[in-house]
Amino acid sequence: MDQLAALLPSAGLALLFVLLMRSILHADRRERAAERRARAERPGTAPRPGGVPGEGPAENGRTDRPS
């Protein structure tokens, strides 16, 4: 019984960590989905390839990278 009591604080912290990381990942997923919806609703802007920020044409249609 003493061994279980010794492991309880560590198990509680591990559970808290897992729940915290899960909520962060879900919030990130929801934010990315909202960003995709907002970009799709905006006229004249196409979604970026792969949905990765920083890739694809700039907002004004020009890129700094040579073709």
PDB file of N, CA and C in Angstrom:
ATOM      1  N   MET A   1       0.821  -1.193   0.000  1.00  0.00           N
ATOM      2  CA  MET A   1       0.000   0.000   0.000  1.00  0.00           C
ATOM      3  C   MET A   1       0.869   1.262   0.000  1.00  0.00           C
ATOM      4  N   ASP A   2       2.006   1.207   0.693  1.00  0.00           N
ATOM      5  CA  ASP A   2       2.897   2.357   0.726  1.00  0.00           C
ATOM      6  C   ASP A   2       3.484   2.635  -0.661  1.00  0.00           C
ATOM      7  N   GLN A   3       3.712   1.580  -1.430  1.00  0.00           N
ATOM      8  CA  GLN A   3       4.267   1.768  -2.773  1.00  0.00           C
ATOM      9  C   GLN A   3       3.272   2.487  -3.673  1.00  0.00           C
ATOM     10  N   LEU A   4       2.013   2.148  -3.542  1.00  0.00           N
ATOM     11  CA  LEU A   4       0.972   2.805  -4.327  1.00  0.00           C
ATOM     12  C   LEU A   4       0.869   4.282  -3.941  1.00  0.00           C
ATOM     13  N   ALA A   5       0.925   4.567  -2.657  1.00  0.00           N
ATOM     14  CA  ALA A   5       0.864   5.949  -2.184  1.00  0.00           C
ATOM     15  C   ALA A   5       2.068   6.742  -2.675  1.00  0.00           C
ATOM     16  N   ALA A   6       3.217   6.103  -2.829  1.00  0.00           N
ATOM     17  CA  ALA A   6       4.414   6.789  -3.313  1.00  0.00           C
ATOM     18  C   ALA A   6       4.310   7.104  -4.803  1.00  0.00           C
ATOM     19  N   LEU A   7       3.607   6.267  -5.551  1.00  0.00           N
ATOM     20  CA  LEU A   7       3.477   6.479  -6.996  1.00  0.00           C
ATOM     21  C   LEU A   7       2.324   7.409  -7.366  1.00  0.00           C
ATOM     22  N   LEU A   8       1.402   7.636  -6.462  1.00  0.00           N
ATOM     23  CA  LEU A   8       0.216   8.437  -6.751  1.00  0.00           C
ATOM     24  C   LEU A   8       0.534   9.874  -7.192  1.00  0.00           C
ATOM     25  N   PRO A   9       1.427  10.599  -6.544  1.00  0.00           N
ATOM     26  CA  PRO A   9       1.725  11.962  -7.023  1.00  0.00           C
ATOM     27  C   PRO A   9       2.305  11.982  -8.450  1.00  0.00           C
ATOM     28  N   SER A  10       3.184  11.046  -8.744  1.00  0.00           N
ATOM     29  CA  SER A  10       3.762  10.991 -10.087  1.00  0.00           C
ATOM     30  C   SER A  10       2.708  10.643 -11.127  1.00  0.00           C
ATOM     31  N   ALA A  11       1.835   9.716 -10.816  1.00  0.00           N
ATOM     32  CA  ALA A  11       0.769   9.339 -11.738  1.00  0.00           C
ATOM     33  C   ALA A  11      -0.189  10.511 -11.951  1.00  0.00           C
ATOM     34  N   GLY A  12      -0.466  11.265 -10.902  1.00  0.00           N
ATOM     35  CA  GLY A  12      -1.334  12.427 -11.018  1.00  0.00           C
ATOM     36  C   GLY A  12      -0.722  13.504 -11.913  1.00  0.00           C
ATOM     37  N   LEU A  13       0.580  13.741 -11.745  1.00  0.00           N
ATOM     38  CA  LEU A  13       1.254  14.723 -12.590  1.00  0.00           C
ATOM     39  C   LEU A  13       1.312  14.257 -14.042  1.00  0.00           C
ATOM     40  N   ALA A  14       1.524  12.965 -14.251  1.00  0.00           N
ATOM     41  CA  ALA A  14       1.549  12.433 -15.620  1.00  0.00           C
ATOM     42  C   ALA A  14       0.179  12.614 -16.278  1.00  0.00           C
ATOM     43  N   LEU A  15      -0.882  12.342 -15.541  1.00  0.00           N
ATOM     44  CA  LEU A  15      -2.234  12.521 -16.073  1.00  0.00           C
ATOM     45  C   LEU A  15      -2.495  13.996 -16.385  1.00  0.00           C
ATOM     46  N   LEU A  16      -2.086  14.881 -15.493  1.00  0.00           N
ATOM     47  CA  LEU A  16      -2.260  16.312 -15.718  1.00  0.00           C
ATOM     48  C   LEU A  16      -1.494  16.757 -16.965  1.00  0.00           C
ATOM     49  N   PHE A  17      -0.282  16.266 -17.148  1.00  0.00           N
ATOM     50  CA  PHE A  17       0.524  16.603 -18.321  1.00  0.00           C
ATOM     51  C   PHE A  17      -0.159  16.126 -19.602  1.00  0.00           C
ATOM     52  N   VAL A  18      -0.656  14.896 -19.601  1.00  0.00           N
ATOM     53  CA  VAL A  18      -1.325  14.349 -20.790  1.00  0.00           C
ATOM     54  C   VAL A  18      -2.562  15.170 -21.135  1.00  0.00           C
ATOM     55  N   LEU A  19      -3.356  15.534 -20.140  1.00  0.00           N
ATOM     56  CA  LEU A  19      -4.555  16.334 -20.395  1.00  0.00           C
ATOM     57  C   LEU A  19      -4.196  17.724 -20.904  1.00  0.00           C
ATOM     58  N   LEU A  20      -3.156  18.319 -20.370  1.00  0.00           N
ATOM     59  CA  LEU A  20      -2.719  19.629 -20.819  1.00  0.00           C
ATOM     60  C   LEU A  20      -2.244  19.591 -22.268  1.00  0.00           C
ATOM     61  N   MET A  21      -1.409  18.622 -22.608  1.00  0.00           N
ATOM     62  CA  MET A  21      -0.921  18.504 -23.980  1.00  0.00           C
ATOM     63  C   MET A  21      -2.059  18.215 -24.945  1.00  0.00           C
ATOM     64  N   ARG A  22      -3.002  17.397 -24.529  1.00  0.00           N
ATOM     65  CA  ARG A  22      -4.157  17.077 -25.377  1.00  0.00           C
ATOM     66  C   ARG A  22      -4.965  18.330 -25.677  1.00  0.00           C
ATOM     67  N   SER A  23      -5.190  19.160 -24.655  1.00  0.00           N
ATOM     68  CA  SER A  23      -5.965  20.380 -24.874  1.00  0.00           C
ATOM     69  C   SER A  23      -5.203  21.360 -25.774  1.00  0.00           C
ATOM     70  N   ILE A  24      -3.887  21.433 -25.642  1.00  0.00           N
ATOM     71  CA  ILE A  24      -3.087  22.307 -26.505  1.00  0.00           C
ATOM     72  C   ILE A  24      -3.173  21.835 -27.949  1.00  0.00           C
ATOM     73  N   LEU A  25      -3.045  20.546 -28.172  1.00  0.00           N
ATOM     74  CA  LEU A  25      -3.093  20.017 -29.533  1.00  0.00           C
ATOM     75  C   LEU A  25      -4.478  20.199 -30.157  1.00  0.00           C
ATOM     76  N   HIS A  26      -5.527  20.007 -29.374  1.00  0.00           N
ATOM     77  CA  HIS A  26      -6.885  20.213 -29.903  1.00  0.00           C
ATOM     78  C   HIS A  26      -7.124  21.687 -30.233  1.00  0.00           C
ATOM     79  N   ALA A  27      -6.636  22.585 -29.391  1.00  0.00           N
ATOM     80  CA  ALA A  27      -6.794  24.015 -29.653  1.00  0.00           C
ATOM     81  C   ALA A  27      -6.051  24.402 -30.926  1.00  0.00           C
ATOM     82  N   ASP A  28      -4.860  23.851 -31.125  1.00  0.00           N
ATOM     83  CA  ASP A  28      -4.094  24.129 -32.338  1.00  0.00           C
ATOM     84  C   ASP A  28      -4.832  23.626 -33.571  1.00  0.00           C
ATOM     85  N   ARG A  29      -5.407  22.442 -33.476  1.00  0.00           N
ATOM     86  CA  ARG A  29      -6.150  21.879 -34.599  1.00  0.00           C
ATOM     87  C   ARG A  29      -7.364  22.747 -34.946  1.00  0.00           C
ATOM     88  N   ARG A  30      -8.077  23.210 -33.908  1.00  0.00           N
ATOM     89  CA  ARG A  30      -9.237  24.076 -34.150  1.00  0.00           C
ATOM     90  C   ARG A  30      -8.812  25.412 -34.747  1.00  0.00           C
ATOM     91  N   GLU A  31      -7.696  25.957 -34.284  1.00  0.00           N
ATOM     92  CA  GLU A  31      -7.217  27.230 -34.811  1.00  0.00           C
ATOM     93  C   GLU A  31      -6.819  27.096 -36.285  1.00  0.00           C
ATOM     94  N   ARG A  32      -6.144  26.012 -36.626  1.00  0.00           N
ATOM     95  CA  ARG A  32      -5.763  25.797 -38.024  1.00  0.00           C
ATOM     96  C   ARG A  32      -6.989  25.630 -38.912  1.00  0.00           C
ATOM     97  N   ALA A  33      -8.008  24.933 -38.432  1.00  0.00           N
ATOM     98  CA  ALA A  33      -9.240  24.764 -39.212  1.00  0.00           C
ATOM     99  C   ALA A  33      -9.940  26.107 -39.401  1.00  0.00           C
ATOM    100  N   ALA A  34      -9.976  26.929 -38.362  1.00  0.00           N
ATOM    101  CA  ALA A  34     -10.602  28.243 -38.481  1.00  0.00           C
ATOM    102  C   ALA A  34      -9.826  29.118 -39.456  1.00  0.00           C
ATOM    103  N   GLU A  35      -8.512  29.025 -39.432  1.00  0.00           N
ATOM    104  CA  GLU A  35      -7.683  29.791 -40.373  1.00  0.00           C
ATOM    105  C   GLU A  35      -7.956  29.353 -41.813  1.00  0.00           C
ATOM    106  N   ARG A  36      -8.091  28.039 -42.043  1.00  0.00           N
ATOM    107  CA  ARG A  36      -8.396  27.554 -43.390  1.00  0.00           C
ATOM    108  C   ARG A  36      -9.759  28.054 -43.853  1.00  0.00           C
ATOM    109  N   ARG A  37     -10.751  28.020 -42.954  1.00  0.00           N
ATOM    110  CA  ARG A  37     -12.085  28.514 -43.317  1.00  0.00           C
ATOM    111  C   ARG A  37     -12.046  30.006 -43.631  1.00  0.00           C
ATOM    112  N   ALA A  38     -11.314  30.779 -42.837  1.00  0.00           N
ATOM    113  CA  ALA A  38     -11.232  32.221 -43.058  1.00  0.00           C
ATOM    114  C   ALA A  38     -10.550  32.515 -44.391  1.00  0.00           C
ATOM    115  N   ARG A  39      -9.498  31.780 -44.718  1.00  0.00           N
ATOM    116  CA  ARG A  39      -8.811  31.981 -45.995  1.00  0.00           C
ATOM    117  C   ARG A  39      -9.717  31.589 -47.162  1.00  0.00           C
ATOM    118  N   ALA A  40     -10.508  30.550 -46.995  1.00  0.00           N
ATOM    119  CA  ALA A  40     -11.394  30.105 -48.072  1.00  0.00           C
ATOM    120  C   ALA A  40     -12.524  31.119 -48.305  1.00  0.00           C
ATOM    121  N   GLU A  41     -12.969  31.797 -47.262  1.00  0.00           N
ATOM    122  CA  GLU A  41     -14.050  32.763 -47.387  1.00  0.00           C
ATOM    123  C   GLU A  41     -13.567  34.094 -47.959  1.00  0.00           C
ATOM    124  N   ARG A  42     -12.270  34.397 -47.793  1.00  0.00           N
ATOM    125  CA  ARG A  42     -11.721  35.649 -48.290  1.00  0.00           C
ATOM    126  C   ARG A  42     -11.595  35.601 -49.801  1.00  0.00           C
ATOM    127  N   PRO A  43     -12.186  36.556 -50.505  1.00  0.00           N
ATOM    128  CA  PRO A  43     -12.092  36.520 -51.967  1.00  0.00           C
ATOM    129  C   PRO A  43     -10.675  36.846 -52.433  1.00  0.00           C
ATOM    130  N   GLY A  44     -10.264  36.132 -53.481  1.00  0.00           N
ATOM    131  CA  GLY A  44      -8.973  36.410 -54.098  1.00  0.00           C
ATOM    132  C   GLY A  44      -7.791  35.753 -53.446  1.00  0.00           C
ATOM    133  N   THR A  45      -8.000  34.966 -52.409  1.00  0.00           N
ATOM    134  CA  THR A  45      -6.872  34.274 -51.792  1.00  0.00           C
ATOM    135  C   THR A  45      -7.135  32.788 -51.850  1.00  0.00           C
ATOM    136  N   ALA A  46      -6.138  32.078 -52.246  1.00  0.00           N
ATOM    137  CA  ALA A  46      -6.243  30.619 -52.312  1.00  0.00           C
ATOM    138  C   ALA A  46      -5.563  30.029 -51.081  1.00  0.00           C
ATOM    139  N   PRO A  47      -6.012  28.874 -50.647  1.00  0.00           N
ATOM    140  CA  PRO A  47      -5.334  28.242 -49.528  1.00  0.00           C
ATOM    141  C   PRO A  47      -3.906  27.883 -49.906  1.00  0.00           C
ATOM    142  N   ARG A  48      -3.029  27.942 -48.941  1.00  0.00           N
ATOM    143  CA  ARG A  48      -1.631  27.620 -49.189  1.00  0.00           C
ATOM    144  C   ARG A  48      -1.481  26.120 -49.388  1.00  0.00           C
ATOM    145  N   PRO A  49      -0.545  25.707 -50.247  1.00  0.00           N
ATOM    146  CA  PRO A  49      -0.344  24.275 -50.484  1.00  0.00           C
ATOM    147  C   PRO A  49       0.010  23.553 -49.187  1.00  0.00           C
ATOM    148  N   GLY A  50      -0.702  22.516 -48.909  1.00  0.00           N
ATOM    149  CA  GLY A  50      -0.426  21.718 -47.717  1.00  0.00           C
ATOM    150  C   GLY A  50      -0.879  22.373 -46.433  1.00  0.00           C
ATOM    151  N   GLY A  51      -1.390  23.571 -46.507  1.00  0.00           N
ATOM    152  CA  GLY A  51      -1.831  24.262 -45.302  1.00  0.00           C
ATOM    153  C   GLY A  51      -0.694  24.656 -44.389  1.00  0.00           C
ATOM    154  N   VAL A  52       0.531  24.734 -44.925  1.00  0.00           N
ATOM    155  CA  VAL A  52       1.688  25.059 -44.109  1.00  0.00           C
ATOM    156  C   VAL A  52       1.958  26.550 -44.224  1.00  0.00           C
ATOM    157  N   PRO A  53       1.947  27.287 -43.113  1.00  0.00           N
ATOM    158  CA  PRO A  53       2.221  28.713 -43.190  1.00  0.00           C
ATOM    159  C   PRO A  53       3.620  28.967 -43.733  1.00  0.00           C
ATOM    160  N   GLY A  54       3.739  29.991 -44.560  1.00  0.00           N
ATOM    161  CA  GLY A  54       5.045  30.352 -45.091  1.00  0.00           C
ATOM    162  C   GLY A  54       5.370  29.706 -46.412  1.00  0.00           C
ATOM    163  N   GLU A  55       4.544  28.810 -46.889  1.00  0.00           N
ATOM    164  CA  GLU A  55       4.782  28.183 -48.181  1.00  0.00           C
ATOM    165  C   GLU A  55       3.708  28.636 -49.147  1.00  0.00           C
ATOM    166  N   GLY A  56       4.059  28.757 -50.401  1.00  0.00           N
ATOM    167  CA  GLY A  56       3.108  29.194 -51.407  1.00  0.00           C
ATOM    168  C   GLY A  56       3.313  30.656 -51.725  1.00  0.00           C
ATOM    169  N   PRO A  57       2.518  31.201 -52.638  1.00  0.00           N
ATOM    170  CA  PRO A  57       2.700  32.589 -53.049  1.00  0.00           C
ATOM    171  C   PRO A  57       2.373  33.563 -51.927  1.00  0.00           C
ATOM    172  N   ALA A  58       3.029  34.707 -51.973  1.00  0.00           N
ATOM    173  CA  ALA A  58       2.757  35.754 -51.001  1.00  0.00           C
ATOM    174  C   ALA A  58       1.382  36.343 -51.291  1.00  0.00           C
ATOM    175  N   GLU A  59       0.884  37.162 -50.370  1.00  0.00           N
ATOM    176  CA  GLU A  59      -0.450  37.737 -50.522  1.00  0.00           C
ATOM    177  C   GLU A  59      -0.575  38.575 -51.789  1.00  0.00           C
ATOM    178  N   ASN A  60       0.519  39.260 -52.210  1.00  0.00           N
ATOM    179  CA  ASN A  60       0.437  40.111 -53.384  1.00  0.00           C
ATOM    180  C   ASN A  60       0.739  39.354 -54.673  1.00  0.00           C
ATOM    181  N   GLY A  61       0.915  38.039 -54.590  1.00  0.00           N
ATOM    182  CA  GLY A  61       1.144  37.228 -55.774  1.00  0.00           C
ATOM    183  C   GLY A  61       2.601  37.083 -56.151  1.00  0.00           C
ATOM    184  N   ARG A  62       3.490  37.790 -55.460  1.00  0.00           N
ATOM    185  CA  ARG A  62       4.917  37.703 -55.765  1.00  0.00           C
ATOM    186  C   ARG A  62       5.609  36.856 -54.718  1.00  0.00           C
ATOM    187  N   THR A  63       6.676  36.228 -55.110  1.00  0.00           N
ATOM    188  CA  THR A  63       7.480  35.468 -54.167  1.00  0.00           C
ATOM    189  C   THR A  63       8.900  35.993 -54.205  1.00  0.00           C
ATOM    190  N   ASP A  64       9.617  35.821 -53.121  1.00  0.00           N
ATOM    191  CA  ASP A  64      11.011  36.242 -53.064  1.00  0.00           C
ATOM    192  C   ASP A  64      11.934  35.170 -53.611  1.00  0.00           C
ATOM    193  N   ARG A  65      11.402  33.988 -53.814  1.00  0.00           N
ATOM    194  CA  ARG A  65      12.220  32.881 -54.303  1.00  0.00           C
ATOM    195  C   ARG A  65      12.255  32.882 -55.822  1.00  0.00           C
ATOM    196  N   PRO A  66      13.433  32.629 -56.401  1.00  0.00           N
ATOM    197  CA  PRO A  66      13.477  32.517 -57.872  1.00  0.00           C
ATOM    198  C   PRO A  66      12.777  31.255 -58.334  1.00  0.00           C
ATOM    199  N   SER A  67      12.221  31.321 -59.523  1.00  0.00           N
ATOM    200  CA  SER A  67      11.473  30.166 -60.046  1.00  0.00           C
ATOM    201  C   SER A  67      12.376  29.083 -60.534  1.00  0.00           C
TER     202      SER A  67
END
